[in-house]
């Protein structure tokens, strides 16, 4: 009896270490949908992408969705004529089998909902048969220019469950009505481990089910160096987990793309490969841009703030185009520090009243580097050792930016204002 008690006690103790959300990666998921994430598409006013995963035996996975209602399903479930849920729509998922590398496989499911109404709150759930997620909400973008805010996070990457969870939650508490969350790359540090991706979704919790995410391709999570130093693509877990726009250069679908969102052209670049192709593509996007504001997101900084780093090739290749078309803001990660330049043009500081570009590097995770002072003369703010999040508001001719610590203290802030239009020359 004593041995039985010890055995049961041991099992109960071990069970405390079984992490929720299937973090271990050694226990494949079952029928219950997990790792649910919304992603912004290239048509954010009329579409929404949803991705999730289950075990391999799940058939006919679907999204059920409708315009959100405050009416109760349970109150009306026995009165079909009054049931507010009777006209929900269903869309069947595209399925992809993913090998976890430990003898287990999972199914990744993805749906792009189309023909939605602009600036409308929807509710949705994902599942199959009798097994479904909870109902959640998302809001489509407006079809025209309209004020909005979004959250920007630099690299999470390390200690995702223990140290990054509070960054996601503090940022959401500060901007619960954010249109989306933009993450500047390096979502995980070991992209070949399913465990790491599980920790990322643990940290994001249900936030990724309610606020759409936009992901930048970093060197971690997208690339992997083997023991011989040869760089190889690592898409096994990156691409199946997310459904991003495919409107970039050939071969860079879902890693280089653009989104026009309520007066902002957001361009995501892939700093890992095919830079020349992206430069040519970027020229076209900037030359024919109907939006008032332009923001670029890229993982690798133009002006490195982390020790012993620099990316002169990026400046040589992209900066003439950025300067010519006066890109407003560039958001970056990679250097595990914080840096915010003055407004720059041609690598030099210009007055706030003139056209120029502000470059920001930030980090949300707990891994930090020492400061690189190579570009210190161009920096308005430079620091390290803090987990940070950023909230960016766009409202007409004003872009407002705040960087805050994980304890919600203001760390840095600025405003960009569009210069007054120059009068037309006399005829």
Protein backbone atom coordinates (compact mmCIF):
# COMPACT_ATOMS: atom_id res chain seq x y z
CA UNK A 1 0.00 0.00 0.00
CA UNK A 2 2.85 2.36 0.85
CA UNK A 3 4.49 1.69 -2.54
CA UNK A 4 1.18 2.36 -4.29
CA UNK A 5 0.87 5.69 -2.43
CA UNK A 6 4.39 6.69 -3.42
CA UNK A 7 3.70 5.74 -7.06
CA UNK A 8 0.45 7.73 -7.19
CA UNK A 9 2.14 10.69 -5.51
CA UNK A 10 4.93 10.56 -8.07
CA UNK A 11 2.44 10.52 -10.96
CA UNK A 12 0.56 13.47 -9.47
CA UNK A 13 3.80 15.39 -9.01
CA UNK A 14 4.91 14.74 -12.57
CA UNK A 15 1.53 15.84 -13.85
CA UNK A 16 2.20 19.32 -12.47
CA UNK A 17 4.95 19.67 -15.04
CA UNK A 18 2.75 18.85 -18.03
CA UNK A 19 2.41 22.27 -19.59
CA UNK A 20 -0.90 23.41 -21.05
CA UNK A 21 -1.21 24.09 -24.75
CA UNK A 22 0.89 21.05 -25.72
CA UNK A 23 4.22 22.80 -25.18
CA UNK A 24 6.36 19.71 -25.03
CA UNK A 25 5.97 18.77 -28.67
CA UNK A 26 6.34 15.14 -27.61
CA UNK A 27 2.60 14.70 -27.14
CA UNK A 28 0.78 15.36 -30.43
CA UNK A 29 -2.53 17.25 -30.24
CA UNK A 30 -5.90 15.55 -30.44
CA UNK A 31 -9.17 16.79 -31.86
CA UNK A 32 -9.28 20.02 -29.86
CA UNK A 33 -8.03 22.94 -32.01
CA UNK A 34 -4.89 24.63 -30.70
CA UNK A 35 -2.40 27.33 -31.73
CA UNK A 36 -5.18 29.38 -33.29
CA UNK A 37 -3.93 32.58 -34.89
CA UNK A 38 -5.48 35.33 -37.01
CA UNK A 39 -3.38 36.88 -39.78
CA UNK A 40 -3.99 40.04 -41.80
CA UNK A 41 -4.35 39.44 -45.54
CA UNK A 42 -3.59 41.70 -48.50
CA UNK A 43 -7.27 42.70 -48.48
CA UNK A 44 -7.86 43.43 -44.77
CA UNK A 45 -11.23 45.15 -45.26
CA UNK A 46 -12.83 42.04 -46.76
CA UNK A 47 -10.73 39.07 -45.65
CA UNK A 48 -9.26 37.40 -42.57
CA UNK A 49 -6.87 34.43 -42.41
CA UNK A 50 -7.20 31.86 -39.63
CA UNK A 51 -4.74 29.02 -38.94
CA UNK A 52 -4.77 26.29 -36.28
CA UNK A 53 -3.69 22.71 -35.75
CA UNK A 54 -5.05 19.38 -34.52
CA UNK A 55 -4.04 15.74 -34.45
CA UNK A 56 -3.81 13.84 -37.75
CA UNK A 57 -7.13 12.01 -37.38
CA UNK A 58 -9.32 15.12 -37.57
CA UNK A 59 -11.44 15.31 -40.72
CA UNK A 60 -13.38 18.15 -42.32
CA UNK A 61 -11.98 21.00 -40.21
CA UNK A 62 -13.93 24.21 -40.70
CA UNK A 63 -14.40 27.80 -39.63
CA UNK A 64 -17.91 28.75 -38.57
CA UNK A 65 -18.46 32.52 -38.62
CA UNK A 66 -21.03 35.32 -38.66
CA UNK A 67 -21.38 39.01 -37.91
CA UNK A 68 -21.04 39.23 -34.13
CA UNK A 69 -24.21 39.27 -32.06
CA UNK A 70 -24.87 39.84 -28.38
CA UNK A 71 -27.85 37.48 -28.51
CA UNK A 72 -27.55 34.12 -26.79
CA UNK A 73 -27.50 30.90 -28.72
CA UNK A 74 -28.78 28.95 -25.73
CA UNK A 75 -31.82 31.13 -25.28
CA UNK A 76 -32.95 30.47 -28.84
CA UNK A 77 -31.58 27.00 -29.59
CA UNK A 78 -35.03 25.41 -29.36
CA UNK A 79 -36.73 28.17 -31.36
CA UNK A 80 -35.16 27.86 -34.80
CA UNK A 81 -37.11 30.71 -36.30
CA UNK A 82 -35.54 33.12 -33.83
CA UNK A 83 -32.12 31.48 -33.55
CA UNK A 84 -29.49 34.17 -34.27
CA UNK A 85 -26.96 31.43 -35.12
CA UNK A 86 -29.06 29.65 -37.74
CA UNK A 87 -27.44 31.56 -40.62
CA UNK A 88 -23.79 31.11 -39.67
CA UNK A 89 -21.49 30.36 -42.57
CA UNK A 90 -18.95 27.57 -42.83
CA UNK A 91 -15.70 27.37 -44.74
CA UNK A 92 -13.69 24.18 -45.02
CA UNK A 93 -9.99 24.41 -44.21
CA UNK A 94 -6.99 23.62 -46.37
CA UNK A 95 -5.01 20.95 -44.53
CA UNK A 96 -1.26 20.39 -44.39
CA UNK A 97 0.48 17.46 -42.74
CA UNK A 98 3.51 18.48 -40.66
CA UNK A 99 6.09 16.05 -39.30
CA UNK A 100 7.22 17.09 -35.82
CA UNK A 101 10.47 15.19 -36.25
CA UNK A 102 9.87 12.84 -33.32
CA UNK A 103 7.72 10.28 -35.08
CA UNK A 104 4.55 12.33 -34.64
CA UNK A 105 2.60 14.24 -37.24
CA UNK A 106 -0.02 16.98 -36.93
CA UNK A 107 -2.48 18.65 -39.24
CA UNK A 108 -2.21 22.40 -39.79
CA UNK A 109 -5.49 23.91 -40.97
CA UNK A 110 -5.86 27.27 -42.72
CA UNK A 111 -8.76 29.32 -44.03
CA UNK A 112 -8.97 32.73 -45.66
CA UNK A 113 -12.45 34.12 -45.11
CA UNK A 114 -13.48 36.28 -48.08
CA UNK A 115 -16.26 38.68 -49.00
CA UNK A 116 -16.49 40.07 -45.47
CA UNK A 117 -17.94 43.49 -44.72
CA UNK A 118 -15.45 46.31 -44.00
CA UNK A 119 -15.09 47.68 -40.47
CA UNK A 120 -17.32 44.96 -39.06
CA UNK A 121 -17.04 42.84 -35.92
CA UNK A 122 -17.29 39.10 -36.66
CA UNK A 123 -17.38 36.10 -34.39
CA UNK A 124 -15.91 32.74 -35.33
CA UNK A 125 -14.86 29.36 -34.07
CA UNK A 126 -12.82 26.54 -35.58
CA UNK A 127 -13.29 22.81 -35.30
CA UNK A 128 -14.81 19.66 -36.68
CA UNK A 129 -17.74 17.41 -35.86
CA UNK A 130 -18.57 17.84 -32.18
CA UNK A 131 -15.22 19.39 -31.22
CA UNK A 132 -14.88 23.16 -31.54
CA UNK A 133 -12.93 26.04 -30.12
CA UNK A 134 -14.63 28.81 -28.19
CA UNK A 135 -16.30 31.63 -30.14
CA UNK A 136 -13.99 34.61 -30.61
CA UNK A 137 -14.10 38.02 -32.31
CA UNK A 138 -12.16 39.86 -35.00
CA UNK A 139 -12.80 43.16 -36.76
CA UNK A 140 -12.15 43.79 -40.43
CA UNK A 141 -10.37 46.96 -41.52
CA UNK A 142 -12.23 49.96 -42.85
CA UNK A 143 -12.25 50.27 -46.64
CA UNK A 144 -11.06 53.87 -46.44
CA UNK A 145 -8.56 55.91 -44.44
CA UNK A 146 -9.49 55.86 -40.77
CA UNK A 147 -7.53 56.31 -37.48
CA UNK A 148 -6.16 53.14 -35.92
CA UNK A 149 -3.40 51.84 -33.69
CA UNK A 150 -1.19 48.77 -33.74
CA UNK A 151 1.33 47.03 -31.49
CA UNK A 152 4.94 46.43 -32.52
CA UNK A 153 7.17 43.89 -30.76
CA UNK A 154 10.84 43.31 -31.40
CA UNK A 155 12.26 39.78 -31.14
CA UNK A 156 10.59 37.61 -28.45
CA UNK A 157 12.83 34.57 -29.18
CA UNK A 158 13.98 33.45 -25.70
CA UNK A 159 12.26 32.30 -22.49
CA UNK A 160 8.96 32.64 -24.29
CA UNK A 161 6.70 31.08 -21.67
CA UNK A 162 8.37 32.43 -18.56
CA UNK A 163 9.47 35.92 -19.69
CA UNK A 164 7.57 36.93 -22.83
CA UNK A 165 4.03 36.12 -21.73
CA UNK A 166 3.79 39.32 -19.70
CA UNK A 167 4.99 41.41 -22.66
CA UNK A 168 2.12 40.16 -24.82
CA UNK A 169 -0.35 40.70 -22.00
CA UNK A 170 0.88 44.15 -20.97
CA UNK A 171 0.83 45.32 -24.58
CA UNK A 172 -2.68 43.99 -25.07
CA UNK A 173 -3.88 45.65 -21.86
CA UNK A 174 -2.50 48.96 -23.12
CA UNK A 175 -3.98 48.63 -26.61
CA UNK A 176 -6.80 46.10 -26.55
CA UNK A 177 -8.33 47.77 -29.59
CA UNK A 178 -5.15 47.45 -31.66
CA UNK A 179 -5.81 46.60 -35.29
CA UNK A 180 -2.97 44.09 -35.33
CA UNK A 181 0.27 42.97 -33.68
CA UNK A 182 3.42 43.27 -35.79
CA UNK A 183 6.39 41.16 -34.64
CA UNK A 184 9.80 42.02 -36.09
CA UNK A 185 11.16 38.49 -36.48
CA UNK A 186 12.92 35.80 -34.43
CA UNK A 187 9.73 34.48 -32.90
CA UNK A 188 11.63 31.50 -31.49
CA UNK A 189 15.31 30.69 -31.10
CA UNK A 190 15.26 27.02 -32.17
CA UNK A 191 12.78 26.75 -35.04
CA UNK A 192 13.24 23.01 -35.48
CA UNK A 193 11.72 22.37 -32.03
CA UNK A 194 7.95 22.11 -31.88
CA UNK A 195 8.30 22.84 -28.17
CA UNK A 196 9.54 26.35 -28.97
CA UNK A 197 6.53 27.14 -31.14
CA UNK A 198 4.27 25.81 -28.40
CA UNK A 199 5.83 28.24 -25.95
CA UNK A 200 5.25 31.12 -28.38
CA UNK A 201 1.55 30.32 -28.57
CA UNK A 202 1.44 29.89 -24.79
CA UNK A 203 2.89 33.39 -24.41
CA UNK A 204 0.42 34.89 -26.87
CA UNK A 205 -2.44 32.97 -25.26
CA UNK A 206 -5.86 33.90 -26.62
CA UNK A 207 -4.57 37.26 -27.89
CA UNK A 208 -3.61 35.70 -31.24
CA UNK A 209 -7.22 34.47 -31.55
CA UNK A 210 -8.63 37.99 -31.23
CA UNK A 211 -6.01 40.38 -32.64
CA UNK A 212 -4.49 39.53 -36.05
CA UNK A 213 -0.73 39.04 -36.19
CA UNK A 214 1.72 40.13 -38.90
CA UNK A 215 5.06 38.29 -38.75
CA UNK A 216 8.43 39.38 -40.12
CA UNK A 217 10.87 36.65 -41.19
CA UNK A 218 13.93 36.71 -38.94
CA UNK A 219 17.09 34.64 -39.15
CA UNK A 220 15.74 32.43 -36.33
CA UNK A 221 12.55 30.63 -37.23
CA UNK A 222 13.20 31.03 -40.92
CA UNK A 223 16.87 30.17 -41.35
CA UNK A 224 19.08 27.63 -39.67
CA UNK A 225 22.85 27.11 -39.85
CA UNK A 226 24.07 23.55 -39.75
CA UNK A 227 27.34 22.43 -38.15
CA UNK A 228 29.28 23.23 -41.32
CA UNK A 229 28.01 26.81 -41.32
CA UNK A 230 25.85 26.28 -44.39
CA UNK A 231 22.63 28.27 -44.22
CA UNK A 232 19.49 26.37 -45.12
CA UNK A 233 15.88 27.43 -45.24
CA UNK A 234 13.78 26.38 -42.28
CA UNK A 235 10.11 26.53 -43.22
CA UNK A 236 8.92 23.31 -41.58
CA UNK A 237 7.11 25.07 -38.73
CA UNK A 238 7.23 28.75 -39.78
CA UNK A 239 4.96 28.68 -42.80
CA UNK A 240 2.38 26.06 -41.64
CA UNK A 241 1.67 28.04 -38.46
CA UNK A 242 0.73 31.27 -40.29
CA UNK A 243 -1.21 32.37 -43.36
CA UNK A 244 0.26 35.63 -44.65
CA UNK A 245 -0.07 37.55 -47.94
CA UNK A 246 1.53 36.12 -51.06
CA UNK A 247 1.80 39.40 -53.01
CA UNK A 248 5.58 39.73 -52.81
CA UNK A 249 8.36 38.70 -55.19
CA UNK A 250 8.32 35.13 -56.49
CA UNK A 251 9.77 32.71 -53.99
CA UNK A 252 9.20 35.05 -51.05
CA UNK A 253 5.47 34.56 -50.63
CA UNK A 254 4.35 35.06 -47.02
CA UNK A 255 7.75 36.52 -46.06
CA UNK A 256 7.86 39.65 -48.27
CA UNK A 257 4.50 41.33 -48.86
CA UNK A 258 2.52 44.53 -48.44
CA UNK A 259 -0.77 45.48 -46.82
CA UNK A 260 -2.72 48.70 -47.32
CA UNK A 261 -4.43 49.39 -44.02
CA UNK A 262 -6.63 52.48 -43.52
CA UNK A 263 -4.22 54.99 -45.05
CA UNK A 264 -0.95 53.16 -44.35
CA UNK A 265 1.07 51.07 -46.77
CA UNK A 266 2.86 48.52 -44.58
CA UNK A 267 5.66 46.75 -46.43
CA UNK A 268 7.28 43.67 -44.89
CA UNK A 269 10.74 42.83 -46.23
CA UNK A 270 12.65 39.57 -45.86
CA UNK A 271 16.20 40.47 -44.86
CA UNK A 272 17.46 36.91 -45.29
CA UNK A 273 17.52 36.46 -49.06
CA UNK A 274 16.78 37.83 -52.53
CA UNK A 275 17.46 41.42 -51.53
CA UNK A 276 17.97 42.67 -55.09
CA UNK A 277 14.60 41.28 -56.16
CA UNK A 278 12.98 42.99 -53.20
CA UNK A 279 14.64 46.30 -53.97
CA UNK A 280 13.18 46.32 -57.48
CA UNK A 281 9.79 45.32 -56.09
CA UNK A 282 9.99 48.04 -53.44
CA UNK A 283 10.52 50.75 -56.06
CA UNK A 284 7.22 49.85 -57.69
CA UNK A 285 5.35 49.79 -54.37
CA UNK A 286 6.61 53.23 -53.38
CA UNK A 287 6.30 54.87 -56.79
CA UNK A 288 2.62 53.93 -56.98
CA UNK A 289 1.43 54.37 -53.40
CA UNK A 290 -2.00 55.94 -52.78
CA UNK A 291 -1.59 55.93 -48.99
CA UNK A 292 -0.72 58.89 -46.80
CA UNK A 293 1.78 56.95 -44.66
CA UNK A 294 4.43 54.33 -45.46
CA UNK A 295 5.95 51.95 -42.91
CA UNK A 296 8.52 49.25 -43.61
CA UNK A 297 9.18 46.29 -41.30
CA UNK A 298 12.37 44.25 -41.66
CA UNK A 299 14.25 42.08 -39.20
CA UNK A 300 17.80 43.30 -39.80
CA UNK A 301 18.49 46.96 -38.86
CA UNK A 302 19.76 49.55 -41.30
CA UNK A 303 21.65 51.20 -38.43
CA UNK A 304 22.71 48.48 -36.03
CA UNK A 305 22.44 49.12 -32.32
CA UNK A 306 23.72 45.73 -31.10
CA UNK A 307 27.40 45.13 -30.43
CA UNK A 308 29.71 44.32 -33.35
CA UNK A 309 26.92 44.41 -35.93
CA UNK A 310 26.34 46.41 -39.07
CA UNK A 311 24.39 45.94 -42.29
CA UNK A 312 25.92 48.32 -44.86
CA UNK A 313 24.54 46.26 -47.76
CA UNK A 314 21.00 47.16 -46.69
CA UNK A 315 21.85 50.85 -46.73
CA UNK A 316 23.53 50.67 -50.12
CA UNK A 317 20.71 48.68 -51.71
CA UNK A 318 17.56 50.14 -50.15
CA UNK A 319 18.32 53.58 -48.77
CA UNK A 320 18.30 55.55 -52.03
CA UNK A 321 14.77 54.25 -52.66
CA UNK A 322 13.68 54.90 -49.07
CA UNK A 323 14.99 58.47 -49.28
CA UNK A 324 13.56 59.15 -52.71
CA UNK A 325 10.04 58.22 -51.65
CA UNK A 326 10.33 59.50 -48.05
CA UNK A 327 9.32 56.35 -46.19
CA UNK A 328 8.06 57.54 -42.81
CA UNK A 329 9.02 54.79 -40.37
CA UNK A 330 11.10 51.61 -40.41
CA UNK A 331 10.57 49.01 -37.66
CA UNK A 332 13.32 46.45 -36.99
CA UNK A 333 14.53 43.78 -34.56
CA UNK A 334 17.54 41.43 -34.50
CA UNK A 335 19.93 43.49 -32.34
CA UNK A 336 18.35 42.86 -28.91
CA UNK A 337 18.73 46.50 -27.94
CA UNK A 338 16.72 49.67 -28.42
CA UNK A 339 17.54 52.45 -30.83
CA UNK A 340 15.53 55.25 -32.40
CA UNK A 341 17.14 57.60 -34.88
CA UNK A 342 16.41 61.21 -35.56
CA UNK A 343 14.62 61.81 -38.82
CA UNK A 344 17.20 60.88 -41.48
CA UNK A 345 17.76 61.42 -45.18
CA UNK A 346 20.87 60.27 -47.04
CA UNK A 347 22.26 59.04 -43.73
CA UNK A 348 22.12 62.50 -42.16
CA UNK A 349 19.85 64.15 -39.63
CA UNK A 350 17.22 66.48 -41.07
CA UNK A 351 14.82 68.86 -39.28
CA UNK A 352 11.47 67.47 -38.19
CA UNK A 353 9.77 69.81 -40.63
CA UNK A 354 11.47 68.13 -43.61
CA UNK A 355 10.87 64.79 -45.26
CA UNK A 356 12.87 61.96 -43.78
CA UNK A 357 12.72 58.53 -42.17
CA UNK A 358 12.80 57.40 -38.53
CA UNK A 359 14.43 54.01 -37.91
CA UNK A 360 13.49 52.01 -34.79
CA UNK A 361 15.11 48.86 -33.37
CA UNK A 362 13.43 47.15 -30.41
CA UNK A 363 13.33 43.91 -28.44
CA UNK A 364 10.50 42.30 -26.46
CA UNK A 365 12.30 39.21 -25.15
CA UNK A 366 14.77 38.89 -22.24
CA UNK A 367 17.94 38.44 -24.33
CA UNK A 368 20.02 41.64 -24.62
CA UNK A 369 23.25 42.74 -26.28
CA UNK A 370 25.61 45.54 -25.38
CA UNK A 371 25.33 48.83 -27.25
CA UNK A 372 26.98 49.41 -30.62
CA UNK A 373 28.06 53.04 -30.77
CA UNK A 374 28.87 53.08 -34.49
CA UNK A 375 25.69 55.00 -35.30
CA UNK A 376 25.26 56.69 -31.92
CA UNK A 377 25.42 60.15 -33.50
CA UNK A 378 22.24 59.37 -35.43
CA UNK A 379 20.31 58.11 -32.41
CA UNK A 380 17.77 60.13 -30.48
CA UNK A 381 17.37 57.27 -27.99
CA UNK A 382 19.70 54.31 -27.38
CA UNK A 383 19.56 51.67 -24.67
CA UNK A 384 19.58 48.01 -23.69
CA UNK A 385 18.46 45.64 -20.95
CA UNK A 386 14.70 46.28 -21.14
CA UNK A 387 11.81 44.21 -22.43
CA UNK A 388 9.76 46.65 -24.48
CA UNK A 389 6.60 46.97 -26.51
CA UNK A 390 5.48 49.76 -28.82
CA UNK A 391 2.06 51.20 -29.62
CA UNK A 392 1.75 53.26 -32.81
CA UNK A 393 -1.27 55.45 -33.60
CA UNK A 394 -2.05 56.77 -37.09
CA UNK A 395 -4.59 59.57 -37.34
CA UNK A 396 -4.73 61.75 -40.43
CA UNK A 397 -1.52 63.79 -40.72
CA UNK A 398 -0.18 62.58 -37.35
CA UNK A 399 1.66 59.37 -36.45
CA UNK A 400 2.23 58.96 -32.71
CA UNK A 401 4.62 56.42 -31.22
CA UNK A 402 5.22 55.16 -27.70
CA UNK A 403 7.72 52.60 -26.46
CA UNK A 404 6.96 51.18 -23.03
CA UNK A 405 8.62 48.73 -20.68
CA UNK A 406 7.06 45.44 -19.65
CA UNK A 407 6.14 47.18 -16.38
CA UNK A 408 4.27 49.77 -18.48
CA UNK A 409 6.57 52.74 -17.93
CA UNK A 410 7.05 55.16 -20.80
CA UNK A 411 10.53 54.68 -22.28
CA UNK A 412 10.45 56.68 -25.51
CA UNK A 413 7.93 58.60 -27.61
CA UNK A 414 7.70 60.85 -30.64
CA UNK A 415 5.30 62.21 -33.22
CA UNK A 416 5.60 62.48 -36.96
CA UNK A 417 3.56 65.08 -38.78
CA UNK A 418 3.12 65.31 -42.49
CA UNK A 419 4.59 68.58 -43.83
CA UNK A 420 2.05 71.01 -45.15
CA UNK A 421 1.43 70.57 -48.86
CA UNK A 422 3.50 72.92 -50.98
CA UNK A 423 1.42 75.46 -52.97
CA UNK A 424 1.09 74.76 -56.65
CA UNK A 425 3.48 76.85 -58.77
CA UNK A 426 2.07 79.84 -60.61
CA UNK A 427 1.22 79.17 -64.20
